[in-house]
C-alpha atoms as a PDB file:
ATOM      1  CA  MET A   1      44.389  16.468  34.191  1.00  0.00           C
ATOM      2  CA  LEU A   2      41.661  13.849  33.944  1.00  0.00           C
ATOM      3  CA  ARG A   3      39.046  16.328  35.121  1.00  0.00           C
ATOM      4  CA  ARG A   4      40.192  18.811  32.491  1.00  0.00           C
ATOM      5  CA  ALA A   5      39.984  16.162  29.753  1.00  0.00           C
ATOM      6  CA  ILE A   6      36.474  15.225  30.858  1.00  0.00           C
ATOM      7  CA  LEU A   7      35.463  18.883  30.889  1.00  0.00           C
ATOM      8  CA  VAL A   8      36.847  19.396  27.362  1.00  0.00           C
ATOM      9  CA  LEU A   9      34.994  16.330  26.094  1.00  0.00           C
ATOM     10  CA  LEU A  10      31.795  17.544  27.742  1.00  0.00           C
ATOM     11  CA  VAL A  11      32.116  20.990  26.136  1.00  0.00           C
ATOM     12  CA  LEU A  12      32.884  19.462  22.742  1.00  0.00           C
ATOM     13  CA  GLY A  13      29.885  17.173  23.125  1.00  0.00           C
ATOM     14  CA  LEU A  14      27.607  20.101  23.914  1.00  0.00           C
ATOM     15  CA  ILE A  15      28.966  22.042  20.940  1.00  0.00           C
ATOM     16  CA  GLY A  16      28.390  19.031  18.698  1.00  0.00           C
ATOM     17  CA  LEU A  17      24.852  18.596  20.009  1.00  0.00           C
ATOM     18  CA  ALA A  18      24.106  22.275  19.442  1.00  0.00           C
ATOM     19  CA  ALA A  19      25.516  22.085  15.903  1.00  0.00           C
ATOM     20  CA  PHE A  20      23.410  18.993  15.193  1.00  0.00           C
ATOM     21  CA  TRP A  21      20.295  20.759  16.508  1.00  0.00           C
ATOM     22  CA  VAL A  22      20.903  23.790  14.303  1.00  0.00           C
ATOM     23  CA  ILE A  23      21.797  21.821  11.170  1.00  0.00           C
ATOM     24  CA  THR A  24      18.840  19.476  11.462  1.00  0.00           C
ATOM     25  CA  ARG A  25      16.147  22.039  12.248  1.00  0.00           C
ATOM     26  CA  PRO A  26      13.252  22.063   9.753  1.00  0.00           C
ATOM     27  CA  THR A  27      13.322  25.038   7.388  1.00  0.00           C
ATOM     28  CA  GLN A  28      10.015  26.549   6.288  1.00  0.00           C
ATOM     29  CA  LEU A  29       9.010  29.452   4.093  1.00  0.00           C
ATOM     30  CA  THR A  30       6.345  31.899   5.236  1.00  0.00           C
ATOM     31  CA  PRO A  31       3.309  32.966   3.174  1.00  0.00           C
ATOM     32  CA  ASP A  32       5.205  36.104   2.153  1.00  0.00           C
ATOM     33  CA  ALA A  33       7.270  33.916  -0.197  1.00  0.00           C
ATOM     34  CA  ILE A  34       4.269  33.379  -2.482  1.00  0.00           C
ATOM     35  CA  ALA A  35       2.489  36.696  -1.963  1.00  0.00           C
ATOM     36  CA  GLY A  36       1.267  38.056  -5.280  1.00  0.00           C
ATOM     37  CA  LEU A  37       1.331  34.719  -7.123  1.00  0.00           C
ATOM     38  CA  THR A  38      -1.942  33.878  -8.863  1.00  0.00           C
ATOM     39  CA  PRO A  39      -2.845  30.157  -8.965  1.00  0.00           C
ATOM     40  CA  ASP A  40      -3.372  28.781 -12.468  1.00  0.00           C
ATOM     41  CA  PRO A  41      -5.183  25.401 -12.312  1.00  0.00           C
ATOM     42  CA  VAL A  42      -4.517  24.781 -16.028  1.00  0.00           C
ATOM     43  CA  ARG A  43      -0.784  25.072 -15.439  1.00  0.00           C
ATOM     44  CA  GLY A  44      -1.332  23.036 -12.281  1.00  0.00           C
ATOM     45  CA  GLU A  45      -2.695  20.146 -14.330  1.00  0.00           C
ATOM     46  CA  TYR A  46       0.394  20.308 -16.564  1.00  0.00           C
ATOM     47  CA  VAL A  47       2.602  20.103 -13.466  1.00  0.00           C
ATOM     48  CA  PHE A  48       0.475  17.263 -12.057  1.00  0.00           C
ATOM     49  CA  ARG A  49       0.917  15.188 -15.188  1.00  0.00           C
ATOM     50  CA  ALA A  50       4.581  15.991 -15.781  1.00  0.00           C
ATOM     51  CA  ALA A  51       5.345  15.119 -12.162  1.00  0.00           C
ATOM     52  CA  GLY A  52       3.395  11.867 -12.353  1.00  0.00           C
ATOM     53  CA  CYS A  53       1.518  12.500  -9.105  1.00  0.00           C
ATOM     54  CA  ALA A  54      -1.138   9.898  -9.903  1.00  0.00           C
ATOM     55  CA  SER A  55       1.495   7.228 -10.515  1.00  0.00           C
ATOM     56  CA  CYS A  56       2.329   7.233  -6.810  1.00  0.00           C
ATOM     57  CA  HIS A  57      -0.769   8.525  -5.072  1.00  0.00           C
ATOM     58  CA  ALA A  58      -3.615   6.813  -6.939  1.00  0.00           C
ATOM     59  CA  ALA A  59      -4.620   3.282  -6.001  1.00  0.00           C
ATOM     60  CA  LYS A  60      -2.659   0.380  -7.426  1.00  0.00           C
ATOM     61  CA  ASP A  61      -3.836  -0.545 -10.952  1.00  0.00           C
ATOM     62  CA  ALA A  62      -6.115   2.506 -11.099  1.00  0.00           C
ATOM     63  CA  THR A  63      -7.199   3.590 -14.576  1.00  0.00           C
ATOM     64  CA  GLY A  64      -9.278   6.332 -16.141  1.00  0.00           C
ATOM     65  CA  ALA A  65     -11.054   8.647 -13.718  1.00  0.00           C
ATOM     66  CA  ASP A  66      -9.741   6.649 -10.752  1.00  0.00           C
ATOM     67  CA  LEU A  67      -6.269   8.038 -11.468  1.00  0.00           C
ATOM     68  CA  LEU A  68      -7.534  11.331 -10.084  1.00  0.00           C
ATOM     69  CA  LYS A  69      -8.501   9.767  -6.743  1.00  0.00           C
ATOM     70  CA  LEU A  70      -5.302  10.321  -4.813  1.00  0.00           C
ATOM     71  CA  GLY A  71      -5.973   8.283  -1.686  1.00  0.00           C
ATOM     72  CA  GLY A  72      -2.445   6.862  -1.563  1.00  0.00           C
ATOM     73  CA  GLY A  73      -1.464   3.493  -0.157  1.00  0.00           C
ATOM     74  CA  LYS A  74       1.033   2.250  -2.731  1.00  0.00           C
ATOM     75  CA  ALA A  75       4.077   0.608  -1.166  1.00  0.00           C
ATOM     76  CA  PHE A  76       7.619   1.582  -2.149  1.00  0.00           C
ATOM     77  CA  PRO A  77      10.182  -0.820  -0.647  1.00  0.00           C
ATOM     78  CA  SER A  78      13.767   0.308  -0.124  1.00  0.00           C
ATOM     79  CA  GLU A  79      16.808  -0.702   1.891  1.00  0.00           C
ATOM     80  CA  PHE A  80      15.733   1.812   4.539  1.00  0.00           C
ATOM     81  CA  GLY A  81      12.228   0.419   4.946  1.00  0.00           C
ATOM     82  CA  THR A  82       8.908   0.478   3.117  1.00  0.00           C
ATOM     83  CA  PHE A  83       7.350   3.833   2.352  1.00  0.00           C
ATOM     84  CA  TYR A  84       3.650   4.266   1.602  1.00  0.00           C
ATOM     85  CA  ALA A  85       2.292   7.038  -0.590  1.00  0.00           C
ATOM     86  CA  PRO A  86       0.041   9.271   1.536  1.00  0.00           C
ATOM     87  CA  ASN A  87      -3.429  10.527   0.747  1.00  0.00           C
ATOM     88  CA  ILE A  88      -3.034  13.866  -1.072  1.00  0.00           C
ATOM     89  CA  SER A  89      -6.662  14.228  -2.107  1.00  0.00           C
ATOM     90  CA  PRO A  90      -8.683  17.289  -0.979  1.00  0.00           C
ATOM     91  CA  ASP A  91     -10.201  15.337   1.919  1.00  0.00           C
ATOM     92  CA  PRO A  92      -9.878  17.675   4.938  1.00  0.00           C
ATOM     93  CA  VAL A  93      -9.298  14.872   7.456  1.00  0.00           C
ATOM     94  CA  HIS A  94      -7.216  12.211   5.724  1.00  0.00           C
ATOM     95  CA  GLY A  95      -5.886  14.214   2.768  1.00  0.00           C
ATOM     96  CA  ILE A  96      -4.471  17.684   2.264  1.00  0.00           C
ATOM     97  CA  GLY A  97      -7.755  19.546   2.029  1.00  0.00           C
ATOM     98  CA  ASN A  98      -6.747  21.848   4.872  1.00  0.00           C
ATOM     99  CA  TRP A  99      -3.268  22.546   3.516  1.00  0.00           C
ATOM    100  CA  THR A 100      -2.529  26.028   2.270  1.00  0.00           C
ATOM    101  CA  ALA A 101      -0.408  26.745  -0.789  1.00  0.00           C
ATOM    102  CA  ILE A 102       2.584  27.533   1.445  1.00  0.00           C
ATOM    103  CA  ASP A 103       2.120  24.167   3.177  1.00  0.00           C
ATOM    104  CA  LEU A 104       2.522  22.454  -0.185  1.00  0.00           C
ATOM    105  CA  VAL A 105       5.514  24.652  -1.018  1.00  0.00           C
ATOM    106  CA  ASN A 106       7.235  23.593   2.193  1.00  0.00           C
ATOM    107  CA  ALA A 107       6.447  19.928   1.635  1.00  0.00           C
ATOM    108  CA  LEU A 108       7.648  19.841  -1.968  1.00  0.00           C
ATOM    109  CA  GLN A 109      10.620  22.181  -1.695  1.00  0.00           C
ATOM    110  CA  ASN A 110      11.795  21.828   1.893  1.00  0.00           C
ATOM    111  CA  GLY A 111      10.542  18.357   2.780  1.00  0.00           C
ATOM    112  CA  VAL A 112       8.663  19.680   5.821  1.00  0.00           C
ATOM    113  CA  GLY A 113       5.048  18.957   6.707  1.00  0.00           C
ATOM    114  CA  PRO A 114       2.558  21.536   8.024  1.00  0.00           C
ATOM    115  CA  ASP A 115       3.276  20.311  11.572  1.00  0.00           C
ATOM    116  CA  GLY A 116       6.956  21.227  11.165  1.00  0.00           C
ATOM    117  CA  THR A 117       8.330  17.691  10.975  1.00  0.00           C
ATOM    118  CA  HIS A 118      10.740  16.436   8.319  1.00  0.00           C
ATOM    119  CA  LEU A 119       9.266  14.324   5.530  1.00  0.00           C
ATOM    120  CA  TYR A 120      11.081  11.310   4.129  1.00  0.00           C
ATOM    121  CA  PRO A 121      12.763  11.839   0.735  1.00  0.00           C
ATOM    122  CA  ALA A 122      10.611   9.073  -0.710  1.00  0.00           C
ATOM    123  CA  LEU A 123       8.736  12.253  -1.624  1.00  0.00           C
ATOM    124  CA  PRO A 124      11.303  13.477  -4.167  1.00  0.00           C
ATOM    125  CA  TYR A 125      11.655  16.973  -2.775  1.00  0.00           C
ATOM    126  CA  GLY A 126      15.286  16.880  -3.850  1.00  0.00           C
ATOM    127  CA  ALA A 127      13.902  17.333  -7.365  1.00  0.00           C
ATOM    128  CA  TYR A 128      10.837  19.399  -6.517  1.00  0.00           C
ATOM    129  CA  ALA A 129      13.090  21.940  -4.766  1.00  0.00           C
ATOM    130  CA  LYS A 130      13.958  23.086  -8.309  1.00  0.00           C
ATOM    131  CA  MET A 131      10.310  23.850  -9.157  1.00  0.00           C
ATOM    132  CA  THR A 132       9.175  27.436  -9.446  1.00  0.00           C
ATOM    133  CA  LEU A 133       6.957  28.713  -6.663  1.00  0.00           C
ATOM    134  CA  GLN A 134       4.372  29.617  -9.298  1.00  0.00           C
ATOM    135  CA  ASP A 135       4.159  25.982 -10.387  1.00  0.00           C
ATOM    136  CA  VAL A 136       3.695  24.742  -6.822  1.00  0.00           C
ATOM    137  CA  VAL A 137       0.940  27.287  -6.176  1.00  0.00           C
ATOM    138  CA  SER A 138      -0.764  26.275  -9.421  1.00  0.00           C
ATOM    139  CA  LEU A 139      -0.444  22.584  -8.565  1.00  0.00           C
ATOM    140  CA  ARG A 140      -2.159  23.242  -5.237  1.00  0.00           C
ATOM    141  CA  ALA A 141      -5.039  24.907  -7.075  1.00  0.00           C
ATOM    142  CA  TYR A 142      -5.418  21.934  -9.424  1.00  0.00           C
ATOM    143  CA  LEU A 143      -5.265  19.347  -6.626  1.00  0.00           C
ATOM    144  CA  ALA A 144      -8.163  21.154  -4.931  1.00  0.00           C
ATOM    145  CA  THR A 145     -10.376  20.343  -7.930  1.00  0.00           C
ATOM    146  CA  LEU A 146      -9.908  16.569  -7.626  1.00  0.00           C
ATOM    147  CA  PRO A 147     -12.185  14.112  -5.777  1.00  0.00           C
ATOM    148  CA  ALA A 148     -11.787  13.812  -2.011  1.00  0.00           C
ATOM    149  CA  VAL A 149     -10.872  10.343  -0.764  1.00  0.00           C
ATOM    150  CA  ASP A 150     -11.491   9.497   2.904  1.00  0.00           C
ATOM    151  CA  THR A 151      -8.816   6.791   3.159  1.00  0.00           C
ATOM    152  CA  PRO A 152      -6.329   7.278   6.020  1.00  0.00           C
ATOM    153  CA  SER A 153      -2.658   7.410   5.032  1.00  0.00           C
ATOM    154  CA  LYS A 154      -0.623   4.384   6.083  1.00  0.00           C
ATOM    155  CA  PRO A 155       2.274   4.998   8.494  1.00  0.00           C
ATOM    156  CA  GLN A 156       5.754   4.615   7.054  1.00  0.00           C
ATOM    157  CA  ASP A 157       7.432   1.312   7.922  1.00  0.00           C
ATOM    158  CA  VAL A 158      10.949   2.498   8.723  1.00  0.00           C
ATOM    159  CA  SER A 159      13.162   0.996  11.410  1.00  0.00           C
ATOM    160  CA  PHE A 160      15.644   2.634  13.777  1.00  0.00           C
ATOM    161  CA  PRO A 161      17.762   4.742  13.229  1.00  0.00           C
ATOM    162  CA  PHE A 162      16.012   5.880  10.023  1.00  0.00           C
ATOM    163  CA  SER A 163      12.826   6.417  12.023  1.00  0.00           C
ATOM    164  CA  ILE A 164      14.440   9.431  13.740  1.00  0.00           C
ATOM    165  CA  ARG A 165      12.860  12.251  11.768  1.00  0.00           C
ATOM    166  CA  ARG A 166      15.149  14.938  13.147  1.00  0.00           C
ATOM    167  CA  ALA A 167      18.119  13.190  11.531  1.00  0.00           C
ATOM    168  CA  LEU A 168      16.574  13.866   8.118  1.00  0.00           C
ATOM    169  CA  GLY A 169      17.717  17.453   8.577  1.00  0.00           C
ATOM    170  CA  GLY A 170      21.264  16.148   8.394  1.00  0.00           C
ATOM    171  CA  TRP A 171      20.420  14.233   5.230  1.00  0.00           C
ATOM    172  CA  LYS A 172      19.084  17.418   3.659  1.00  0.00           C
ATOM    173  CA  PHE A 173      22.189  19.329   4.763  1.00  0.00           C
ATOM    174  CA  LEU A 174      24.317  16.810   2.867  1.00  0.00           C
ATOM    175  CA  PHE A 175      22.213  16.073  -0.181  1.00  0.00           C
ATOM    176  CA  LEU A 176      19.381  18.547  -0.823  1.00  0.00           C
ATOM    177  CA  GLN A 177      20.525  20.408  -3.937  1.00  0.00           C
ATOM    178  CA  ARG A 178      18.428  23.289  -5.237  1.00  0.00           C
ATOM    179  CA  ASP A 179      20.533  24.048  -8.311  1.00  0.00           C
ATOM    180  CA  PHE A 180      20.204  22.131 -11.545  1.00  0.00           C
ATOM    181  CA  VAL A 181      22.636  19.233 -11.816  1.00  0.00           C
ATOM    182  CA  ILE A 182      23.462  20.018 -15.435  1.00  0.00           C
ATOM    183  CA  GLN A 183      24.268  23.709 -15.434  1.00  0.00           C
ATOM    184  CA  ASP A 184      25.119  24.276 -19.086  1.00  0.00           C
ATOM    185  CA  VAL A 185      22.481  23.252 -21.603  1.00  0.00           C
ATOM    186  CA  PRO A 186      21.541  24.842 -24.924  1.00  0.00           C
ATOM    187  CA  PRO A 187      18.609  27.271 -24.700  1.00  0.00           C
ATOM    188  CA  GLU A 188      16.347  24.867 -26.565  1.00  0.00           C
ATOM    189  CA  ALA A 189      16.942  22.260 -23.817  1.00  0.00           C
ATOM    190  CA  GLU A 190      16.078  24.459 -20.827  1.00  0.00           C
ATOM    191  CA  THR A 191      12.409  23.419 -20.707  1.00  0.00           C
ATOM    192  CA  GLY A 192      13.526  19.819 -21.002  1.00  0.00           C
ATOM    193  CA  ARG A 193      15.947  20.261 -18.123  1.00  0.00           C
ATOM    194  CA  TYR A 194      13.159  21.664 -15.961  1.00  0.00           C
ATOM    195  CA  ILE A 195      10.944  18.704 -16.808  1.00  0.00           C
ATOM    196  CA  ALA A 196      13.680  16.106 -16.261  1.00  0.00           C
ATOM    197  CA  GLU A 197      15.386  17.492 -13.171  1.00  0.00           C
ATOM    198  CA  ALA A 198      12.433  19.099 -11.389  1.00  0.00           C
ATOM    199  CA  LEU A 199       8.951  17.974 -12.431  1.00  0.00           C
ATOM    200  CA  ALA A 200       9.470  14.424 -13.714  1.00  0.00           C
ATOM    201  CA  HIS A 201      12.364  13.823 -11.249  1.00  0.00           C
ATOM    202  CA  CYS A 202      14.098  11.440 -13.669  1.00  0.00           C
ATOM    203  CA  GLY A 203      17.257  11.371 -11.586  1.00  0.00           C
ATOM    204  CA  GLU A 204      15.446   9.857  -8.607  1.00  0.00           C
ATOM    205  CA  CYS A 205      15.239   6.526 -10.419  1.00  0.00           C
ATOM    206  CA  HIS A 206      17.930   6.683 -13.095  1.00  0.00           C
ATOM    207  CA  THR A 207      20.818   7.837 -10.874  1.00  0.00           C
ATOM    208  CA  ALA A 208      22.719   5.606  -8.440  1.00  0.00           C
ATOM    209  CA  ARG A 209      22.769   6.431  -4.730  1.00  0.00           C
ATOM    210  CA  ASN A 210      25.377   6.284  -2.003  1.00  0.00           C
ATOM    211  CA  ALA A 211      25.077   4.387   1.281  1.00  0.00           C
ATOM    212  CA  LEU A 212      23.010   7.188   2.831  1.00  0.00           C
ATOM    213  CA  GLY A 213      20.587   7.402  -0.073  1.00  0.00           C
ATOM    214  CA  GLY A 214      22.044  10.553  -1.611  1.00  0.00           C
ATOM    215  CA  LEU A 215      22.218  10.760  -5.394  1.00  0.00           C
ATOM    216  CA  LYS A 216      25.627  10.275  -7.004  1.00  0.00           C
ATOM    217  CA  THR A 217      25.286  13.289  -9.253  1.00  0.00           C
ATOM    218  CA  GLY A 218      28.645  12.549 -10.882  1.00  0.00           C
ATOM    219  CA  GLN A 219      26.839   9.573 -12.457  1.00  0.00           C
ATOM    220  CA  TRP A 220      23.738  11.576 -13.350  1.00  0.00           C
ATOM    221  CA  LEU A 221      21.153   9.438 -15.179  1.00  0.00           C
ATOM    222  CA  GLY A 222      23.739   6.673 -15.556  1.00  0.00           C
ATOM    223  CA  GLY A 223      21.464   3.915 -14.268  1.00  0.00           C
ATOM    224  CA  ALA A 224      20.874   2.415 -10.830  1.00  0.00           C
ATOM    225  CA  PRO A 225      19.821  -0.749  -9.014  1.00  0.00           C
ATOM    226  CA  ASN A 226      16.082  -1.195  -8.791  1.00  0.00           C
ATOM    227  CA  PRO A 227      14.970  -0.423  -5.183  1.00  0.00           C
ATOM    228  CA  THR A 228      12.791  -3.540  -5.279  1.00  0.00           C
ATOM    229  CA  GLY A 229      15.927  -5.648  -5.697  1.00  0.00           C
ATOM    230  CA  LYS A 230      14.800  -6.924  -9.085  1.00  0.00           C
ATOM    231  CA  GLY A 231      16.958  -5.837 -12.015  1.00  0.00           C
ATOM    232  CA  THR A 232      18.329  -2.406 -12.747  1.00  0.00           C
ATOM    233  CA  ILE A 233      17.043   0.949 -13.946  1.00  0.00           C
ATOM    234  CA  PRO A 234      18.780   1.809 -17.233  1.00  0.00           C
ATOM    235  CA  ASN A 235      21.443   4.315 -18.125  1.00  0.00           C
ATOM    236  CA  ILE A 236      19.706   6.997 -20.220  1.00  0.00           C
ATOM    237  CA  THR A 237      22.741   9.152 -20.967  1.00  0.00           C
ATOM    238  CA  PRO A 238      24.304   9.348 -24.459  1.00  0.00           C
ATOM    239  CA  GLY A 239      26.965   6.954 -23.163  1.00  0.00           C
ATOM    240  CA  LYS A 240      24.459   4.115 -23.343  1.00  0.00           C
ATOM    241  CA  LEU A 241      21.269   5.297 -25.038  1.00  0.00           C
ATOM    242  CA  ASP A 242      22.122   6.030 -28.667  1.00  0.00           C
ATOM    243  CA  TRP A 243      18.599   7.011 -29.717  1.00  0.00           C
ATOM    244  CA  SER A 244      18.074  10.082 -31.845  1.00  0.00           C
ATOM    245  CA  GLU A 245      16.008  13.037 -30.671  1.00  0.00           C
ATOM    246  CA  ALA A 246      13.165  11.811 -32.871  1.00  0.00           C
ATOM    247  CA  ASP A 247      13.420   8.335 -31.308  1.00  0.00           C
ATOM    248  CA  LEU A 248      13.151   9.842 -27.846  1.00  0.00           C
ATOM    249  CA  VAL A 249      10.137  11.984 -28.727  1.00  0.00           C
ATOM    250  CA  THR A 250       8.383   8.973 -30.261  1.00  0.00           C
ATOM    251  CA  PHE A 251       9.084   7.002 -27.099  1.00  0.00           C
ATOM    252  CA  PHE A 252       7.716   9.779 -24.870  1.00  0.00           C
ATOM    253  CA  GLN A 253       4.544   9.935 -26.958  1.00  0.00           C
ATOM    254  CA  SER A 254       3.898   6.244 -27.574  1.00  0.00           C
ATOM    255  CA  GLY A 255       6.173   4.097 -25.434  1.00  0.00           C
ATOM    256  CA  PHE A 256       7.643   2.432 -28.529  1.00  0.00           C
ATOM    257  CA  THR A 257      11.418   2.076 -28.755  1.00  0.00           C
ATOM    258  CA  PRO A 258      13.447   2.099 -31.993  1.00  0.00           C
ATOM    259  CA  GLU A 259      13.812  -1.681 -31.513  1.00  0.00           C
ATOM    260  CA  PHE A 260       9.993  -2.069 -31.641  1.00  0.00           C
ATOM    261  CA  ASP A 261       9.833  -2.840 -27.932  1.00  0.00           C
ATOM    262  CA  THR A 262       7.490  -1.030 -25.552  1.00  0.00           C
ATOM    263  CA  ALA A 263       7.898   0.642 -22.179  1.00  0.00           C
ATOM    264  CA  GLY A 264       6.996  -1.587 -19.278  1.00  0.00           C
ATOM    265  CA  GLY A 265       6.584  -1.371 -15.526  1.00  0.00           C
ATOM    266  CA  THR A 266       6.651   2.077 -13.980  1.00  0.00           C
ATOM    267  CA  MET A 267       8.122   3.537 -17.175  1.00  0.00           C
ATOM    268  CA  ALA A 268       4.809   2.848 -18.904  1.00  0.00           C
ATOM    269  CA  GLU A 269       3.184   5.183 -16.367  1.00  0.00           C
ATOM    270  CA  VAL A 270       5.858   7.810 -17.011  1.00  0.00           C
ATOM    271  CA  VAL A 271       5.145   7.639 -20.750  1.00  0.00           C
ATOM    272  CA  GLU A 272       1.413   7.917 -20.098  1.00  0.00           C
ATOM    273  CA  ASN A 273       2.092  11.184 -18.278  1.00  0.00           C
ATOM    274  CA  LEU A 274       4.686  12.572 -20.694  1.00  0.00           C
ATOM    275  CA  SER A 275       2.476  11.859 -23.688  1.00  0.00           C
ATOM    276  CA  THR A 276       0.055  14.539 -22.466  1.00  0.00           C
ATOM    277  CA  LEU A 277       2.696  17.288 -22.734  1.00  0.00           C
ATOM    278  CA  PRO A 278       3.093  19.492 -25.827  1.00  0.00           C
ATOM    279  CA  GLU A 279       5.401  18.035 -28.464  1.00  0.00           C
ATOM    280  CA  ALA A 280       7.652  21.091 -28.241  1.00  0.00           C
ATOM    281  CA  ASP A 281       8.312  20.310 -24.580  1.00  0.00           C
ATOM    282  CA  LEU A 282       9.109  16.687 -25.400  1.00  0.00           C
ATOM    283  CA  VAL A 283      11.540  17.826 -28.083  1.00  0.00           C
ATOM    284  CA  SER A 284      13.226  20.011 -25.466  1.00  0.00           C
ATOM    285  CA  LEU A 285      13.356  17.038 -23.078  1.00  0.00           C
ATOM    286  CA  ALA A 286      15.000  14.927 -25.782  1.00  0.00           C
ATOM    287  CA  ARG A 287      17.577  17.639 -26.407  1.00  0.00           C
ATOM    288  CA  TYR A 288      18.310  17.837 -22.717  1.00  0.00           C
ATOM    289  CA  LEU A 289      18.957  14.090 -22.532  1.00  0.00           C
ATOM    290  CA  LYS A 290      21.249  14.313 -25.555  1.00  0.00           C
ATOM    291  CA  SER A 291      23.216  17.090 -23.805  1.00  0.00           C
ATOM    292  CA  VAL A 292      23.779  15.206 -20.531  1.00  0.00           C
ATOM    293  CA  PRO A 293      27.396  14.057 -20.013  1.00  0.00           C
ATOM    294  CA  ALA A 294      27.802  10.418 -21.046  1.00  0.00           C
ATOM    295  CA  VAL A 295      28.118   7.759 -18.367  1.00  0.00           C
ATOM    296  CA  THR A 296      29.748   4.723 -19.958  1.00  0.00           C
ATOM    297  CA  ASP A 297      30.141   2.395 -16.954  1.00  0.00           C
END
């Protein structure tokens, strides 16, 4: 009887291990997925700015032309460890100069590096998974035009068990969502939804997370603790933010609030990026935010 119980436990353990191995395997697209797509560097620059790539990957306090030197190094503390933005400049040794367009697709949409290992979701691929393949291909073309920076990327400072990369496949199985969070929006808010949920990844900061770091999408954009431990990131749903569409557009363009305050901290960088987008897109973004279900708590 005991031997049978041990045998059953052993079989169940092997089945569980096999299931874990299958669930956590890295998923990658092949070049066929983007065959026929023509890179558009002009559109790539739009994506670059809407996504705020320089805000993370340029040097701390960089301004002007230095914002296009994407050598990485900025630290992003969290309860799981400290993550450092990598070098994504065209440098072939320390940056992504040798990456193909499909390499970037797999990094941004599947969270998998060219070597087949899982990437940490400090890279917000949960949002970028909603990007069109055309936009990723165009972003790759634009990034190739930027200055090469020969600064090595810093290793991520993550302790056990979060340092087990294979386990990130389980995290993706639970939390990587490729569909839009807000399914029903008016047609005039669809561009805004794409900006907010995919490119600008607003939910990554403005939505609370569970104990495993997954977004609580039932509280979408309802505010969250600041990962630095200082203060909170505000609720930007209609349940808290009673600004008009015009107020929102003015804020996106200038950083000025209806109360004559100004955007500060990382939000100032977001405004700097959004202000480069066409006004029609910012109007659509405002309409999207006004259509999001209110979070009142």
